[in-house]
Every structure is written in C-alpha cells, then in structure tokens.
Amino acid sequence: MNTAWRGLRRVRSVVLRAELAVTGAQILFWAALIGVVAGLALRAWTRHRQSQAEPEAPVLAD
C-alpha cells in the first residue's frame, strides 16, 4: 500500500510540473503576442505622425 501512495505522489508531481510548464508557455506566448501587436501599433503611429508633420517652407532670398 505504501508503494501505491509513492506512485500516486510521483504521478501528481509529474502532472503538476507539466501544468506549470504549460502555464509558463502560455504566459510567454501571450506576452510575445501582445508585444508584437503593441510594436506594430507603435510603428504605425510613428509613421502616421511623421507623415502629418509638414516641412517648413524654404526661405527664398530676394
């Protein structure tokens, strides 16, 4: 009976480690996805701001 409990503990330990690994992978995936979306939005916003900026008219000497 004692060996059965050890086996169950070992199985629970393996399952817990697997769950933690999956959770960590999901966190990394979502962080990377959010980072990519934020980076693309920032790039688009920066380009939009640059296109809105009007260059100054050149000064012509008479």
PDB file of N, CA and C in Angstrom:
ATOM      1  N   MET A   1       0.826  -1.200   0.000  1.00  0.00           N
ATOM      2  CA  MET A   1       0.000   0.000   0.000  1.00  0.00           C
ATOM      3  C   MET A   1       0.864   1.256   0.000  1.00  0.00           C
ATOM      4  N   ASN A   2       1.980   1.181   0.715  1.00  0.00           N
ATOM      5  CA  ASN A   2       2.857   2.339   0.799  1.00  0.00           C
ATOM      6  C   ASN A   2       3.444   2.688  -0.564  1.00  0.00           C
ATOM      7  N   THR A   3       3.785   1.680  -1.336  1.00  0.00           N
ATOM      8  CA  THR A   3       4.349   1.939  -2.662  1.00  0.00           C
ATOM      9  C   THR A   3       3.311   2.547  -3.599  1.00  0.00           C
ATOM     10  N   ALA A   4       2.046   2.213  -3.384  1.00  0.00           N
ATOM     11  CA  ALA A   4       0.990   2.807  -4.209  1.00  0.00           C
ATOM     12  C   ALA A   4       0.897   4.304  -3.953  1.00  0.00           C
ATOM     13  N   TRP A   5       1.019   4.714  -2.682  1.00  0.00           N
ATOM     14  CA  TRP A   5       0.970   6.139  -2.354  1.00  0.00           C
ATOM     15  C   TRP A   5       2.166   6.873  -2.947  1.00  0.00           C
ATOM     16  N   ARG A   6       3.330   6.238  -2.928  1.00  0.00           N
ATOM     17  CA  ARG A   6       4.514   6.860  -3.530  1.00  0.00           C
ATOM     18  C   ARG A   6       4.320   7.043  -5.028  1.00  0.00           C
ATOM     19  N   GLY A   7       3.725   6.041  -5.644  1.00  0.00           N
ATOM     20  CA  GLY A   7       3.450   6.134  -7.077  1.00  0.00           C
ATOM     21  C   GLY A   7       2.489   7.263  -7.401  1.00  0.00           C
ATOM     22  N   LEU A   8       1.451   7.396  -6.566  1.00  0.00           N
ATOM     23  CA  LEU A   8       0.487   8.476  -6.778  1.00  0.00           C
ATOM     24  C   LEU A   8       1.132   9.836  -6.572  1.00  0.00           C
ATOM     25  N   ARG A   9       1.990   9.944  -5.568  1.00  0.00           N
ATOM     26  CA  ARG A   9       2.697  11.210  -5.336  1.00  0.00           C
ATOM     27  C   ARG A   9       3.580  11.564  -6.523  1.00  0.00           C
ATOM     28  N   ARG A  10       4.245  10.554  -7.050  1.00  0.00           N
ATOM     29  CA  ARG A  10       5.118  10.793  -8.202  1.00  0.00           C
ATOM     30  C   ARG A  10       4.301  11.240  -9.417  1.00  0.00           C
ATOM     31  N   VAL A  11       3.166  10.594  -9.627  1.00  0.00           N
ATOM     32  CA  VAL A  11       2.304  10.969 -10.754  1.00  0.00           C
ATOM     33  C   VAL A  11       1.786  12.388 -10.570  1.00  0.00           C
ATOM     34  N   ARG A  12       1.351  12.716  -9.365  1.00  0.00           N
ATOM     35  CA  ARG A  12       0.866  14.071  -9.093  1.00  0.00           C
ATOM     36  C   ARG A  12       1.963  15.093  -9.307  1.00  0.00           C
ATOM     37  N   SER A  13       3.181  14.751  -8.913  1.00  0.00           N
ATOM     38  CA  SER A  13       4.313  15.651  -9.101  1.00  0.00           C
ATOM     39  C   SER A  13       4.585  15.899 -10.580  1.00  0.00           C
ATOM     40  N   VAL A  14       4.535  14.839 -11.361  1.00  0.00           N
ATOM     41  CA  VAL A  14       4.767  14.973 -12.807  1.00  0.00           C
ATOM     42  C   VAL A  14       3.664  15.806 -13.450  1.00  0.00           C
ATOM     43  N   VAL A  15       2.425  15.558 -13.055  1.00  0.00           N
ATOM     44  CA  VAL A  15       1.298  16.313 -13.610  1.00  0.00           C
ATOM     45  C   VAL A  15       1.413  17.783 -13.237  1.00  0.00           C
ATOM     46  N   LEU A  16       1.789  18.076 -12.000  1.00  0.00           N
ATOM     47  CA  LEU A  16       1.944  19.464 -11.570  1.00  0.00           C
ATOM     48  C   LEU A  16       3.040  20.162 -12.368  1.00  0.00           C
ATOM     49  N   ARG A  17       4.149  19.489 -12.580  1.00  0.00           N
ATOM     50  CA  ARG A  17       5.230  20.085 -13.373  1.00  0.00           C
ATOM     51  C   ARG A  17       4.774  20.341 -14.801  1.00  0.00           C
ATOM     52  N   ALA A  18       4.025  19.417 -15.362  1.00  0.00           N
ATOM     53  CA  ALA A  18       3.519  19.603 -16.728  1.00  0.00           C
ATOM     54  C   ALA A  18       2.562  20.790 -16.796  1.00  0.00           C
ATOM     55  N   GLU A  19       1.694  20.914 -15.805  1.00  0.00           N
ATOM     56  CA  GLU A  19       0.766  22.044 -15.775  1.00  0.00           C
ATOM     57  C   GLU A  19       1.514  23.361 -15.647  1.00  0.00           C
ATOM     58  N   LEU A  20       2.539  23.392 -14.816  1.00  0.00           N
ATOM     59  CA  LEU A  20       3.333  24.612 -14.671  1.00  0.00           C
ATOM     60  C   LEU A  20       4.068  24.952 -15.965  1.00  0.00           C
ATOM     61  N   ALA A  21       4.562  23.947 -16.648  1.00  0.00           N
ATOM     62  CA  ALA A  21       5.251  24.180 -17.921  1.00  0.00           C
ATOM     63  C   ALA A  21       4.285  24.742 -18.967  1.00  0.00           C
ATOM     64  N   VAL A  22       3.086  24.186 -19.026  1.00  0.00           N
ATOM     65  CA  VAL A  22       2.090  24.673 -19.984  1.00  0.00           C
ATOM     66  C   VAL A  22       1.680  26.098 -19.639  1.00  0.00           C
ATOM     67  N   THR A  23       1.477  26.376 -18.361  1.00  0.00           N
ATOM     68  CA  THR A  23       1.103  27.723 -17.939  1.00  0.00           C
ATOM     69  C   THR A  23       2.201  28.719 -18.290  1.00  0.00           C
ATOM     70  N   GLY A  24       3.443  28.358 -18.032  1.00  0.00           N
ATOM     71  CA  GLY A  24       4.557  29.235 -18.383  1.00  0.00           C
ATOM     72  C   GLY A  24       4.640  29.481 -19.877  1.00  0.00           C
ATOM     73  N   ALA A  25       4.418  28.442 -20.663  1.00  0.00           N
ATOM     74  CA  ALA A  25       4.445  28.598 -22.121  1.00  0.00           C
ATOM     75  C   ALA A  25       3.314  29.509 -22.592  1.00  0.00           C
ATOM     76  N   GLN A  26       2.151  29.388 -21.980  1.00  0.00           N
ATOM     77  CA  GLN A  26       1.032  30.255 -22.352  1.00  0.00           C
ATOM     78  C   GLN A  26       1.328  31.708 -22.004  1.00  0.00           C
ATOM     79  N   ILE A  27       1.927  31.941 -20.849  1.00  0.00           N
ATOM     80  CA  ILE A  27       2.279  33.307 -20.453  1.00  0.00           C
ATOM     81  C   ILE A  27       3.271  33.903 -21.441  1.00  0.00           C
ATOM     82  N   LEU A  28       4.289  33.138 -21.805  1.00  0.00           N
ATOM     83  CA  LEU A  28       5.271  33.630 -22.771  1.00  0.00           C
ATOM     84  C   LEU A  28       4.632  33.890 -24.134  1.00  0.00           C
ATOM     85  N   PHE A  29       3.745  33.006 -24.565  1.00  0.00           N
ATOM     86  CA  PHE A  29       3.068  33.188 -25.851  1.00  0.00           C
ATOM     87  C   PHE A  29       2.262  34.480 -25.870  1.00  0.00           C
ATOM     88  N   TRP A  30       1.446  34.691 -24.839  1.00  0.00           N
ATOM     89  CA  TRP A  30       0.607  35.885 -24.821  1.00  0.00           C
ATOM     90  C   TRP A  30       1.429  37.151 -24.663  1.00  0.00           C
ATOM     91  N   ALA A  31       2.496  37.101 -23.874  1.00  0.00           N
ATOM     92  CA  ALA A  31       3.363  38.273 -23.741  1.00  0.00           C
ATOM     93  C   ALA A  31       4.003  38.625 -25.080  1.00  0.00           C
ATOM     94  N   ALA A  32       4.457  37.615 -25.806  1.00  0.00           N
ATOM     95  CA  ALA A  32       5.056  37.861 -27.120  1.00  0.00           C
ATOM     96  C   ALA A  32       4.013  38.392 -28.098  1.00  0.00           C
ATOM     97  N   LEU A  33       2.824  37.829 -28.080  1.00  0.00           N
ATOM     98  CA  LEU A  33       1.773  38.281 -28.987  1.00  0.00           C
ATOM     99  C   LEU A  33       1.383  39.729 -28.705  1.00  0.00           C
ATOM    100  N   ILE A  34       1.223  40.068 -27.441  1.00  0.00           N
ATOM    101  CA  ILE A  34       0.889  41.443 -27.070  1.00  0.00           C
ATOM    102  C   ILE A  34       2.026  42.380 -27.462  1.00  0.00           C
ATOM    103  N   GLY A  35       3.269  41.937 -27.269  1.00  0.00           N
ATOM    104  CA  GLY A  35       4.417  42.756 -27.653  1.00  0.00           C
ATOM    105  C   GLY A  35       4.464  43.022 -29.146  1.00  0.00           C
ATOM    106  N   VAL A  36       4.169  42.015 -29.945  1.00  0.00           N
ATOM    107  CA  VAL A  36       4.165  42.195 -31.404  1.00  0.00           C
ATOM    108  C   VAL A  36       3.069  43.174 -31.811  1.00  0.00           C
ATOM    109  N   VAL A  37       1.887  43.008 -31.263  1.00  0.00           N
ATOM    110  CA  VAL A  37       0.776  43.905 -31.602  1.00  0.00           C
ATOM    111  C   VAL A  37       1.096  45.333 -31.166  1.00  0.00           C
ATOM    112  N   ALA A  38       1.638  45.503 -29.967  1.00  0.00           N
ATOM    113  CA  ALA A  38       1.990  46.840 -29.489  1.00  0.00           C
ATOM    114  C   ALA A  38       3.093  47.450 -30.351  1.00  0.00           C
ATOM    115  N   GLY A  39       4.070  46.655 -30.740  1.00  0.00           N
ATOM    116  CA  GLY A  39       5.146  47.162 -31.594  1.00  0.00           C
ATOM    117  C   GLY A  39       4.643  47.601 -32.953  1.00  0.00           C
ATOM    118  N   LEU A  40       3.759  46.812 -33.555  1.00  0.00           N
ATOM    119  CA  LEU A  40       3.194  47.196 -34.846  1.00  0.00           C
ATOM    120  C   LEU A  40       2.347  48.460 -34.731  1.00  0.00           C
ATOM    121  N   ALA A  41       1.585  48.575 -33.661  1.00  0.00           N
ATOM    122  CA  ALA A  41       0.774  49.774 -33.457  1.00  0.00           C
ATOM    123  C   ALA A  41       1.662  50.997 -33.258  1.00  0.00           C
ATOM    124  N   LEU A  42       2.736  50.842 -32.503  1.00  0.00           N
ATOM    125  CA  LEU A  42       3.658  51.955 -32.278  1.00  0.00           C
ATOM    126  C   LEU A  42       4.329  52.373 -33.579  1.00  0.00           C
ATOM    127  N   ARG A  43       4.713  51.399 -34.390  1.00  0.00           N
ATOM    128  CA  ARG A  43       5.342  51.714 -35.677  1.00  0.00           C
ATOM    129  C   ARG A  43       4.362  52.464 -36.585  1.00  0.00           C
ATOM    130  N   ALA A  44       3.113  52.014 -36.639  1.00  0.00           N
ATOM    131  CA  ALA A  44       2.112  52.680 -37.469  1.00  0.00           C
ATOM    132  C   ALA A  44       1.842  54.088 -36.959  1.00  0.00           C
ATOM    133  N   TRP A  45       1.770  54.250 -35.652  1.00  0.00           N
ATOM    134  CA  TRP A  45       1.512  55.561 -35.065  1.00  0.00           C
ATOM    135  C   TRP A  45       2.661  56.514 -35.352  1.00  0.00           C
ATOM    136  N   THR A  46       3.905  56.015 -35.250  1.00  0.00           N
ATOM    137  CA  THR A  46       5.071  56.854 -35.516  1.00  0.00           C
ATOM    138  C   THR A  46       5.092  57.283 -36.980  1.00  0.00           C
ATOM    139  N   ARG A  47       4.808  56.363 -37.885  1.00  0.00           N
ATOM    140  CA  ARG A  47       4.769  56.715 -39.310  1.00  0.00           C
ATOM    141  C   ARG A  47       3.657  57.712 -39.598  1.00  0.00           C
ATOM    142  N   HIS A  48       2.534  57.556 -38.938  1.00  0.00           N
ATOM    143  CA  HIS A  48       1.422  58.486 -39.129  1.00  0.00           C
ATOM    144  C   HIS A  48       1.820  59.880 -38.659  1.00  0.00           C
ATOM    145  N   ARG A  49       2.480  59.954 -37.523  1.00  0.00           N
ATOM    146  CA  ARG A  49       2.915  61.256 -37.005  1.00  0.00           C
ATOM    147  C   ARG A  49       3.925  61.901 -37.934  1.00  0.00           C
ATOM    148  N   GLN A  50       4.837  61.119 -38.490  1.00  0.00           N
ATOM    149  CA  GLN A  50       5.844  61.667 -39.393  1.00  0.00           C
ATOM    150  C   GLN A  50       5.206  62.158 -40.686  1.00  0.00           C
ATOM    151  N   SER A  51       4.189  61.478 -41.162  1.00  0.00           N
ATOM    152  CA  SER A  51       3.540  61.911 -42.398  1.00  0.00           C
ATOM    153  C   SER A  51       2.690  63.155 -42.168  1.00  0.00           C
ATOM    154  N   GLN A  52       2.231  63.373 -40.952  1.00  0.00           N
ATOM    155  CA  GLN A  52       1.432  64.549 -40.637  1.00  0.00           C
ATOM    156  C   GLN A  52       2.286  65.799 -40.479  1.00  0.00           C
ATOM    157  N   ALA A  53       3.546  65.617 -40.109  1.00  0.00           N
ATOM    158  CA  ALA A  53       4.422  66.771 -39.903  1.00  0.00           C
ATOM    159  C   ALA A  53       4.729  67.406 -41.254  1.00  0.00           C
ATOM    160  N   GLU A  54       4.442  68.698 -41.351  1.00  0.00           N
ATOM    161  CA  GLU A  54       4.694  69.403 -42.604  1.00  0.00           C
ATOM    162  C   GLU A  54       6.062  70.066 -42.532  1.00  0.00           C
ATOM    163  N   PRO A  55       6.859  69.911 -43.554  1.00  0.00           N
ATOM    164  CA  PRO A  55       8.159  70.585 -43.539  1.00  0.00           C
ATOM    165  C   PRO A  55       7.971  72.090 -43.693  1.00  0.00           C
ATOM    166  N   GLU A  56       8.896  72.839 -43.114  1.00  0.00           N
ATOM    167  CA  GLU A  56       8.809  74.295 -43.203  1.00  0.00           C
ATOM    168  C   GLU A  56       9.106  74.735 -44.629  1.00  0.00           C
ATOM    169  N   ALA A  57       8.468  75.824 -45.012  1.00  0.00           N
ATOM    170  CA  ALA A  57       8.694  76.359 -46.353  1.00  0.00           C
ATOM    171  C   ALA A  57      10.102  76.943 -46.418  1.00  0.00           C
ATOM    172  N   PRO A  58      10.807  76.712 -47.516  1.00  0.00           N
ATOM    173  CA  PRO A  58      12.162  77.262 -47.618  1.00  0.00           C
ATOM    174  C   PRO A  58      12.127  78.781 -47.720  1.00  0.00           C
ATOM    175  N   VAL A  59      13.124  79.402 -47.138  1.00  0.00           N
ATOM    176  CA  VAL A  59      13.233  80.859 -47.181  1.00  0.00           C
ATOM    177  C   VAL A  59      13.982  81.222 -48.455  1.00  0.00           C
ATOM    178  N   LEU A  60      13.347  82.052 -49.259  1.00  0.00           N
ATOM    179  CA  LEU A  60      13.961  82.480 -50.513  1.00  0.00           C
ATOM    180  C   LEU A  60      14.519  83.885 -50.349  1.00  0.00           C
ATOM    181  N   ALA A  61      15.774  84.066 -50.707  1.00  0.00           N
ATOM    182  CA  ALA A  61      16.395  85.393 -50.620  1.00  0.00           C
ATOM    183  C   ALA A  61      16.004  86.208 -51.848  1.00  0.00           C
ATOM    184  N   ASP A  62      15.695  87.477 -51.610  1.00  0.00           N
ATOM    185  CA  ASP A  62      15.336  88.358 -52.734  1.00  0.00           C
ATOM    186  C   ASP A  62      16.552  89.001 -53.313  1.00  0.00           C
TER     187      ASP A  62
END
